[in-house]
Amino acid sequence: MIKIKDISSSEHFDLDRIKENSNGDIKFLHEIYSEFLLELPKKLAAIQVFLKENKKEEILNICHNLVGIFPIFGMESSLHILREITLQLHQNGIDKSIQKQFEELECILNKVLTEIEIELYKLS
Protein backbone atom coordinates (compact mmCIF):
# COMPACT_ATOMS: atom_id res chain seq x y z
CA MET A 1 0.00 0.00 0.00
CA ILE A 2 1.29 3.46 -0.88
CA LYS A 3 1.85 5.83 1.99
CA ILE A 4 0.23 8.98 0.67
CA LYS A 5 1.97 11.17 3.22
CA ASP A 6 5.31 10.03 1.75
CA ILE A 7 4.53 11.59 -1.63
CA SER A 8 5.93 15.10 -2.01
CA SER A 9 3.65 17.85 -3.24
CA SER A 10 5.63 18.13 -6.48
CA GLU A 11 4.65 14.55 -7.29
CA HIS A 12 0.91 15.22 -7.12
CA PHE A 13 0.64 16.82 -10.54
CA ASP A 14 2.67 18.25 -13.38
CA LEU A 15 1.08 21.29 -14.95
CA ASP A 16 4.05 21.68 -17.26
CA ARG A 17 2.82 18.58 -19.10
CA ILE A 18 -0.57 20.05 -19.83
CA LYS A 19 0.99 23.39 -20.79
CA GLU A 20 3.24 21.58 -23.26
CA ASN A 21 0.30 19.66 -24.71
CA SER A 22 -1.69 22.88 -25.11
CA ASN A 23 0.89 24.39 -27.50
CA GLY A 24 0.40 27.73 -25.77
CA ASP A 25 -3.36 27.78 -26.33
CA ILE A 26 -4.54 29.84 -23.36
CA LYS A 27 -8.21 29.25 -24.21
CA PHE A 28 -7.64 25.47 -24.10
CA LEU A 29 -5.86 25.74 -20.73
CA HIS A 30 -8.63 27.91 -19.35
CA GLU A 31 -11.28 25.42 -20.49
CA ILE A 32 -9.52 22.32 -19.21
CA TYR A 33 -8.67 23.90 -15.85
CA SER A 34 -12.24 25.17 -15.44
CA GLU A 35 -13.73 21.79 -16.33
CA PHE A 36 -11.43 20.01 -13.90
CA LEU A 37 -12.28 22.48 -11.12
CA LEU A 38 -15.97 21.98 -11.79
CA GLU A 39 -16.07 18.21 -12.18
CA LEU A 40 -13.54 16.83 -9.71
CA PRO A 41 -15.32 18.06 -6.56
CA LYS A 42 -18.57 16.54 -7.86
CA LYS A 43 -16.85 13.20 -8.41
CA LEU A 44 -15.26 13.28 -4.96
CA ALA A 45 -18.60 14.08 -3.33
CA ALA A 46 -20.27 11.25 -5.24
CA ILE A 47 -17.58 8.82 -4.08
CA GLN A 48 -18.24 9.82 -0.46
CA VAL A 49 -21.97 9.19 -0.90
CA PHE A 50 -21.37 5.85 -2.61
CA LEU A 51 -18.95 4.80 0.13
CA LYS A 52 -21.66 5.41 2.73
CA GLU A 53 -24.21 3.57 0.59
CA ASN A 54 -21.78 0.69 -0.10
CA LYS A 55 -22.15 1.10 -3.88
CA LYS A 56 -18.95 -0.44 -5.16
CA GLU A 57 -19.84 -0.43 -8.87
CA GLU A 58 -20.67 3.26 -8.87
CA ILE A 59 -17.35 4.03 -7.17
CA LEU A 60 -15.52 1.88 -9.71
CA ASN A 61 -17.20 3.80 -12.55
CA ILE A 62 -16.00 7.13 -11.14
CA CYS A 63 -12.52 5.71 -10.59
CA HIS A 64 -12.45 4.52 -14.20
CA ASN A 65 -13.29 8.04 -15.34
CA LEU A 66 -10.60 9.58 -13.15
CA VAL A 67 -7.99 7.12 -14.45
CA GLY A 68 -8.54 8.74 -17.84
CA ILE A 69 -8.30 12.30 -16.50
CA PHE A 70 -5.33 12.12 -14.14
CA PRO A 71 -2.64 11.59 -16.82
CA ILE A 72 -3.69 14.81 -18.55
CA PHE A 73 -2.58 16.71 -15.44
CA GLY A 74 0.52 14.62 -14.84
CA MET A 75 -1.05 13.19 -11.71
CA GLU A 76 0.96 9.98 -11.80
CA SER A 77 1.08 9.41 -8.04
CA SER A 78 -2.68 9.94 -7.74
CA LEU A 79 -3.22 7.65 -10.70
CA HIS A 80 -1.14 4.95 -9.04
CA ILE A 81 -3.06 5.34 -5.77
CA LEU A 82 -6.39 5.25 -7.60
CA ARG A 83 -5.41 2.05 -9.43
CA GLU A 84 -4.42 0.47 -6.13
CA ILE A 85 -7.75 1.48 -4.57
CA THR A 86 -9.59 0.06 -7.58
CA LEU A 87 -7.76 -3.23 -7.24
CA GLN A 88 -8.59 -3.41 -3.56
CA LEU A 89 -12.23 -2.59 -4.27
CA HIS A 90 -12.39 -5.49 -6.71
CA GLN A 91 -10.74 -7.84 -4.25
CA ASN A 92 -12.23 -6.81 -0.91
CA GLY A 93 -15.14 -4.48 -1.60
CA ILE A 94 -15.70 -1.39 0.52
CA ASP A 95 -14.06 -1.52 3.91
CA LYS A 96 -12.46 0.91 6.35
CA SER A 97 -9.09 0.83 4.57
CA ILE A 98 -10.73 1.86 1.28
CA GLN A 99 -12.53 4.70 3.02
CA LYS A 100 -9.24 5.84 4.60
CA GLN A 101 -7.42 5.72 1.26
CA PHE A 102 -10.14 7.78 -0.42
CA GLU A 103 -9.93 10.35 2.37
CA GLU A 104 -6.18 10.63 1.91
CA LEU A 105 -6.51 10.80 -1.88
CA GLU A 106 -9.14 13.49 -1.48
CA CYS A 107 -6.65 15.56 0.58
CA ILE A 108 -4.15 15.31 -2.27
CA LEU A 109 -6.77 16.21 -4.85
CA ASN A 110 -7.89 19.22 -2.86
CA LYS A 111 -4.29 20.49 -2.92
CA VAL A 112 -4.25 19.93 -6.68
CA LEU A 113 -7.51 21.85 -7.04
CA THR A 114 -6.03 24.77 -5.13
CA GLU A 115 -2.98 24.84 -7.39
CA ILE A 116 -5.13 24.66 -10.51
CA GLU A 117 -7.26 27.53 -9.21
CA ILE A 118 -4.05 29.56 -8.88
CA GLU A 119 -3.03 28.61 -12.43
CA LEU A 120 -6.48 29.55 -13.74
CA TYR A 121 -6.24 32.91 -11.98
CA LYS A 122 -2.86 33.53 -13.61
CA LEU A 123 -4.46 32.96 -17.03
CA SER A 124 -7.16 35.57 -16.39
C-alpha atoms as a PDB file:
ATOM      1  CA  MET A   1       0.000   0.000   0.000  1.00  0.00           C
ATOM      2  CA  ILE A   2       1.291   3.456  -0.881  1.00  0.00           C
ATOM      3  CA  LYS A   3       1.854   5.831   1.992  1.00  0.00           C
ATOM      4  CA  ILE A   4       0.233   8.978   0.667  1.00  0.00           C
ATOM      5  CA  LYS A   5       1.967  11.172   3.222  1.00  0.00           C
ATOM      6  CA  ASP A   6       5.310  10.027   1.746  1.00  0.00           C
ATOM      7  CA  ILE A   7       4.531  11.594  -1.628  1.00  0.00           C
ATOM      8  CA  SER A   8       5.932  15.096  -2.005  1.00  0.00           C
ATOM      9  CA  SER A   9       3.654  17.851  -3.241  1.00  0.00           C
ATOM     10  CA  SER A  10       5.627  18.129  -6.481  1.00  0.00           C
ATOM     11  CA  GLU A  11       4.653  14.550  -7.294  1.00  0.00           C
ATOM     12  CA  HIS A  12       0.910  15.224  -7.115  1.00  0.00           C
ATOM     13  CA  PHE A  13       0.642  16.823 -10.542  1.00  0.00           C
ATOM     14  CA  ASP A  14       2.673  18.252 -13.379  1.00  0.00           C
ATOM     15  CA  LEU A  15       1.080  21.292 -14.947  1.00  0.00           C
ATOM     16  CA  ASP A  16       4.047  21.677 -17.264  1.00  0.00           C
ATOM     17  CA  ARG A  17       2.820  18.575 -19.097  1.00  0.00           C
ATOM     18  CA  ILE A  18      -0.575  20.052 -19.827  1.00  0.00           C
ATOM     19  CA  LYS A  19       0.993  23.388 -20.787  1.00  0.00           C
ATOM     20  CA  GLU A  20       3.243  21.582 -23.262  1.00  0.00           C
ATOM     21  CA  ASN A  21       0.298  19.662 -24.707  1.00  0.00           C
ATOM     22  CA  SER A  22      -1.693  22.877 -25.113  1.00  0.00           C
ATOM     23  CA  ASN A  23       0.894  24.393 -27.495  1.00  0.00           C
ATOM     24  CA  GLY A  24       0.404  27.726 -25.767  1.00  0.00           C
ATOM     25  CA  ASP A  25      -3.363  27.775 -26.328  1.00  0.00           C
ATOM     26  CA  ILE A  26      -4.544  29.838 -23.361  1.00  0.00           C
ATOM     27  CA  LYS A  27      -8.211  29.245 -24.209  1.00  0.00           C
ATOM     28  CA  PHE A  28      -7.638  25.474 -24.097  1.00  0.00           C
ATOM     29  CA  LEU A  29      -5.861  25.741 -20.733  1.00  0.00           C
ATOM     30  CA  HIS A  30      -8.632  27.907 -19.352  1.00  0.00           C
ATOM     31  CA  GLU A  31     -11.276  25.424 -20.487  1.00  0.00           C
ATOM     32  CA  ILE A  32      -9.521  22.318 -19.209  1.00  0.00           C
ATOM     33  CA  TYR A  33      -8.668  23.897 -15.846  1.00  0.00           C
ATOM     34  CA  SER A  34     -12.236  25.167 -15.443  1.00  0.00           C
ATOM     35  CA  GLU A  35     -13.726  21.794 -16.333  1.00  0.00           C
ATOM     36  CA  PHE A  36     -11.432  20.007 -13.896  1.00  0.00           C
ATOM     37  CA  LEU A  37     -12.278  22.475 -11.122  1.00  0.00           C
ATOM     38  CA  LEU A  38     -15.973  21.978 -11.792  1.00  0.00           C
ATOM     39  CA  GLU A  39     -16.068  18.206 -12.183  1.00  0.00           C
ATOM     40  CA  LEU A  40     -13.538  16.827  -9.712  1.00  0.00           C
ATOM     41  CA  PRO A  41     -15.325  18.062  -6.557  1.00  0.00           C
ATOM     42  CA  LYS A  42     -18.569  16.536  -7.861  1.00  0.00           C
ATOM     43  CA  LYS A  43     -16.853  13.199  -8.411  1.00  0.00           C
ATOM     44  CA  LEU A  44     -15.255  13.276  -4.962  1.00  0.00           C
ATOM     45  CA  ALA A  45     -18.595  14.085  -3.331  1.00  0.00           C
ATOM     46  CA  ALA A  46     -20.267  11.250  -5.238  1.00  0.00           C
ATOM     47  CA  ILE A  47     -17.582   8.821  -4.075  1.00  0.00           C
ATOM     48  CA  GLN A  48     -18.236   9.822  -0.464  1.00  0.00           C
ATOM     49  CA  VAL A  49     -21.972   9.193  -0.904  1.00  0.00           C
ATOM     50  CA  PHE A  50     -21.370   5.851  -2.612  1.00  0.00           C
ATOM     51  CA  LEU A  51     -18.951   4.798   0.133  1.00  0.00           C
ATOM     52  CA  LYS A  52     -21.656   5.406   2.728  1.00  0.00           C
ATOM     53  CA  GLU A  53     -24.205   3.567   0.595  1.00  0.00           C
ATOM     54  CA  ASN A  54     -21.784   0.691  -0.098  1.00  0.00           C
ATOM     55  CA  LYS A  55     -22.150   1.096  -3.878  1.00  0.00           C
ATOM     56  CA  LYS A  56     -18.955  -0.438  -5.162  1.00  0.00           C
ATOM     57  CA  GLU A  57     -19.835  -0.430  -8.869  1.00  0.00           C
ATOM     58  CA  GLU A  58     -20.674   3.262  -8.866  1.00  0.00           C
ATOM     59  CA  ILE A  59     -17.353   4.027  -7.170  1.00  0.00           C
ATOM     60  CA  LEU A  60     -15.523   1.883  -9.711  1.00  0.00           C
ATOM     61  CA  ASN A  61     -17.198   3.798 -12.547  1.00  0.00           C
ATOM     62  CA  ILE A  62     -16.000   7.128 -11.143  1.00  0.00           C
ATOM     63  CA  CYS A  63     -12.516   5.706 -10.587  1.00  0.00           C
ATOM     64  CA  HIS A  64     -12.446   4.519 -14.198  1.00  0.00           C
ATOM     65  CA  ASN A  65     -13.293   8.038 -15.342  1.00  0.00           C
ATOM     66  CA  LEU A  66     -10.598   9.579 -13.146  1.00  0.00           C
ATOM     67  CA  VAL A  67      -7.992   7.123 -14.447  1.00  0.00           C
ATOM     68  CA  GLY A  68      -8.536   8.742 -17.843  1.00  0.00           C
ATOM     69  CA  ILE A  69      -8.297  12.297 -16.502  1.00  0.00           C
ATOM     70  CA  PHE A  70      -5.331  12.124 -14.136  1.00  0.00           C
ATOM     71  CA  PRO A  71      -2.637  11.587 -16.815  1.00  0.00           C
ATOM     72  CA  ILE A  72      -3.691  14.811 -18.546  1.00  0.00           C
ATOM     73  CA  PHE A  73      -2.583  16.712 -15.445  1.00  0.00           C
ATOM     74  CA  GLY A  74       0.525  14.625 -14.840  1.00  0.00           C
ATOM     75  CA  MET A  75      -1.049  13.194 -11.712  1.00  0.00           C
ATOM     76  CA  GLU A  76       0.957   9.976 -11.803  1.00  0.00           C
ATOM     77  CA  SER A  77       1.076   9.407  -8.044  1.00  0.00           C
ATOM     78  CA  SER A  78      -2.684   9.945  -7.738  1.00  0.00           C
ATOM     79  CA  LEU A  79      -3.220   7.645 -10.697  1.00  0.00           C
ATOM     80  CA  HIS A  80      -1.140   4.947  -9.036  1.00  0.00           C
ATOM     81  CA  ILE A  81      -3.064   5.343  -5.770  1.00  0.00           C
ATOM     82  CA  LEU A  82      -6.389   5.246  -7.602  1.00  0.00           C
ATOM     83  CA  ARG A  83      -5.414   2.050  -9.430  1.00  0.00           C
ATOM     84  CA  GLU A  84      -4.424   0.471  -6.131  1.00  0.00           C
ATOM     85  CA  ILE A  85      -7.751   1.485  -4.570  1.00  0.00           C
ATOM     86  CA  THR A  86      -9.595   0.056  -7.584  1.00  0.00           C
ATOM     87  CA  LEU A  87      -7.762  -3.234  -7.244  1.00  0.00           C
ATOM     88  CA  GLN A  88      -8.586  -3.412  -3.559  1.00  0.00           C
ATOM     89  CA  LEU A  89     -12.232  -2.587  -4.273  1.00  0.00           C
ATOM     90  CA  HIS A  90     -12.385  -5.487  -6.714  1.00  0.00           C
ATOM     91  CA  GLN A  91     -10.738  -7.840  -4.253  1.00  0.00           C
ATOM     92  CA  ASN A  92     -12.228  -6.807  -0.914  1.00  0.00           C
ATOM     93  CA  GLY A  93     -15.138  -4.481  -1.596  1.00  0.00           C
ATOM     94  CA  ILE A  94     -15.696  -1.395   0.518  1.00  0.00           C
ATOM     95  CA  ASP A  95     -14.059  -1.519   3.909  1.00  0.00           C
ATOM     96  CA  LYS A  96     -12.458   0.914   6.350  1.00  0.00           C
ATOM     97  CA  SER A  97      -9.090   0.827   4.570  1.00  0.00           C
ATOM     98  CA  ILE A  98     -10.732   1.856   1.283  1.00  0.00           C
ATOM     99  CA  GLN A  99     -12.526   4.704   3.024  1.00  0.00           C
ATOM    100  CA  LYS A 100      -9.244   5.838   4.598  1.00  0.00           C
ATOM    101  CA  GLN A 101      -7.425   5.719   1.257  1.00  0.00           C
ATOM    102  CA  PHE A 102     -10.141   7.776  -0.418  1.00  0.00           C
ATOM    103  CA  GLU A 103      -9.935  10.354   2.374  1.00  0.00           C
ATOM    104  CA  GLU A 104      -6.179  10.630   1.908  1.00  0.00           C
ATOM    105  CA  LEU A 105      -6.507  10.803  -1.877  1.00  0.00           C
ATOM    106  CA  GLU A 106      -9.143  13.493  -1.479  1.00  0.00           C
ATOM    107  CA  CYS A 107      -6.654  15.558   0.575  1.00  0.00           C
ATOM    108  CA  ILE A 108      -4.151  15.309  -2.269  1.00  0.00           C
ATOM    109  CA  LEU A 109      -6.766  16.209  -4.854  1.00  0.00           C
ATOM    110  CA  ASN A 110      -7.892  19.218  -2.857  1.00  0.00           C
ATOM    111  CA  LYS A 111      -4.294  20.485  -2.923  1.00  0.00           C
ATOM    112  CA  VAL A 112      -4.252  19.933  -6.684  1.00  0.00           C
ATOM    113  CA  LEU A 113      -7.512  21.854  -7.045  1.00  0.00           C
ATOM    114  CA  THR A 114      -6.032  24.772  -5.132  1.00  0.00           C
ATOM    115  CA  GLU A 115      -2.982  24.840  -7.391  1.00  0.00           C
ATOM    116  CA  ILE A 116      -5.128  24.663 -10.506  1.00  0.00           C
ATOM    117  CA  GLU A 117      -7.264  27.533  -9.206  1.00  0.00           C
ATOM    118  CA  ILE A 118      -4.054  29.558  -8.876  1.00  0.00           C
ATOM    119  CA  GLU A 119      -3.032  28.611 -12.432  1.00  0.00           C
ATOM    120  CA  LEU A 120      -6.479  29.551 -13.738  1.00  0.00           C
ATOM    121  CA  TYR A 121      -6.242  32.909 -11.975  1.00  0.00           C
ATOM    122  CA  LYS A 122      -2.855  33.525 -13.613  1.00  0.00           C
ATOM    123  CA  LEU A 123      -4.465  32.959 -17.025  1.00  0.00           C
ATOM    124  CA  SER A 124      -7.159  35.569 -16.386  1.00  0.00           C
END
